[in-house]
Amino acid sequence: MARILVIDDNSDIRYILNEILADNGHTVSSADDGKIGMALMDSNQYDLIMTDIVMPNMDGIEVM
């Protein structure tokens, strides 16, 4: 299955997405802001990145 990175500052959203995606066989990593997400992207390869747009430190537009 896919390796997915979820970037969202809302911990409830990260938890729900992680549970749904993992239950469907995907490997999920998560970050609570864009800077952490970018650091994870530097050290891992992902098939899909799901990001919130409005976040502190680095928003989803900057991540894209």
C-alpha atoms as a PDB file:
ATOM      1  CA  MET A   1       0.000   0.000   0.000  1.00  0.00           C
ATOM      2  CA  ALA A   2       0.943   3.687   0.037  1.00  0.00           C
ATOM      3  CA  ARG A   3       3.219   5.654   2.359  1.00  0.00           C
ATOM      4  CA  ILE A   4       1.267   8.785   3.339  1.00  0.00           C
ATOM      5  CA  LEU A   5       2.277  11.945   5.185  1.00  0.00           C
ATOM      6  CA  VAL A   6      -0.478  13.906   6.947  1.00  0.00           C
ATOM      7  CA  ILE A   7       0.391  17.496   7.898  1.00  0.00           C
ATOM      8  CA  ASP A   8      -2.186  19.258  10.068  1.00  0.00           C
ATOM      9  CA  ASP A   9      -1.995  21.370  13.215  1.00  0.00           C
ATOM     10  CA  ASN A  10      -5.243  19.854  14.535  1.00  0.00           C
ATOM     11  CA  SER A  11      -4.377  16.687  16.479  1.00  0.00           C
ATOM     12  CA  ASP A  12      -7.926  15.308  16.144  1.00  0.00           C
ATOM     13  CA  ILE A  13      -7.767  15.532  12.350  1.00  0.00           C
ATOM     14  CA  ARG A  14      -4.338  13.859  12.313  1.00  0.00           C
ATOM     15  CA  TYR A  15      -5.618  11.069  14.550  1.00  0.00           C
ATOM     16  CA  ILE A  16      -8.762  10.433  12.468  1.00  0.00           C
ATOM     17  CA  LEU A  17      -6.864  10.422   9.161  1.00  0.00           C
ATOM     18  CA  ASN A  18      -4.171   8.183  10.630  1.00  0.00           C
ATOM     19  CA  GLU A  19      -6.749   5.666  11.862  1.00  0.00           C
ATOM     20  CA  ILE A  20      -8.716   5.583   8.601  1.00  0.00           C
ATOM     21  CA  LEU A  21      -5.635   5.308   6.398  1.00  0.00           C
ATOM     22  CA  ALA A  22      -3.845   2.752   8.594  1.00  0.00           C
ATOM     23  CA  ASP A  23      -7.014   0.631   8.820  1.00  0.00           C
ATOM     24  CA  ASN A  24      -6.933   0.505   5.021  1.00  0.00           C
ATOM     25  CA  GLY A  25      -3.370  -0.805   4.995  1.00  0.00           C
ATOM     26  CA  HIS A  26      -1.413   2.380   4.423  1.00  0.00           C
ATOM     27  CA  THR A  27       1.710   3.444   6.311  1.00  0.00           C
ATOM     28  CA  VAL A  28       1.081   6.878   7.813  1.00  0.00           C
ATOM     29  CA  SER A  29       3.426   9.512   9.215  1.00  0.00           C
ATOM     30  CA  SER A  30       2.194  12.812  10.597  1.00  0.00           C
ATOM     31  CA  ALA A  31       3.405  16.307  11.417  1.00  0.00           C
ATOM     32  CA  ASP A  32       1.748  19.193  13.216  1.00  0.00           C
ATOM     33  CA  ASP A  33       3.191  21.955  11.023  1.00  0.00           C
ATOM     34  CA  GLY A  34       4.814  22.451   7.659  1.00  0.00           C
ATOM     35  CA  LYS A  35       8.380  22.706   8.973  1.00  0.00           C
ATOM     36  CA  ILE A  36       8.158  19.285  10.627  1.00  0.00           C
ATOM     37  CA  GLY A  37       6.457  17.911   7.519  1.00  0.00           C
ATOM     38  CA  MET A  38       9.278  19.212   5.322  1.00  0.00           C
ATOM     39  CA  ALA A  39      11.859  17.603   7.628  1.00  0.00           C
ATOM     40  CA  LEU A  40      10.029  14.271   7.294  1.00  0.00           C
ATOM     41  CA  MET A  41       9.982  14.670   3.499  1.00  0.00           C
ATOM     42  CA  ASP A  42      13.755  15.198   3.515  1.00  0.00           C
ATOM     43  CA  SER A  43      14.350  11.851   5.197  1.00  0.00           C
ATOM     44  CA  ASN A  44      11.501   9.721   3.753  1.00  0.00           C
ATOM     45  CA  GLN A  45       9.708   9.073   0.482  1.00  0.00           C
ATOM     46  CA  TYR A  46       5.926   9.371   0.378  1.00  0.00           C
ATOM     47  CA  ASP A  47       3.385   8.387  -2.233  1.00  0.00           C
ATOM     48  CA  LEU A  48       0.890  10.996  -1.010  1.00  0.00           C
ATOM     49  CA  ILE A  49       1.102  14.115   1.140  1.00  0.00           C
ATOM     50  CA  MET A  50      -2.093  15.488   2.668  1.00  0.00           C
ATOM     51  CA  THR A  51      -1.721  18.976   4.143  1.00  0.00           C
ATOM     52  CA  ASP A  52      -3.866  21.549   5.846  1.00  0.00           C
ATOM     53  CA  ILE A  53      -3.555  25.038   4.372  1.00  0.00           C
ATOM     54  CA  VAL A  54      -3.701  27.246   7.500  1.00  0.00           C
ATOM     55  CA  MET A  55      -1.050  26.209  10.043  1.00  0.00           C
ATOM     56  CA  PRO A  56       1.522  27.965  12.237  1.00  0.00           C
ATOM     57  CA  ASN A  57       5.224  28.208  11.333  1.00  0.00           C
ATOM     58  CA  MET A  58       4.808  27.060   7.712  1.00  0.00           C
ATOM     59  CA  ASP A  59       1.431  26.741   6.031  1.00  0.00           C
ATOM     60  CA  GLY A  60       0.296  24.208   3.449  1.00  0.00           C
ATOM     61  CA  ILE A  61       0.853  26.572   0.526  1.00  0.00           C
ATOM     62  CA  GLU A  62       4.513  26.953   1.505  1.00  0.00           C
ATOM     63  CA  VAL A  63       4.793  23.166   1.814  1.00  0.00           C
ATOM     64  CA  MET A  64       3.476  22.739  -1.724  1.00  0.00           C
END
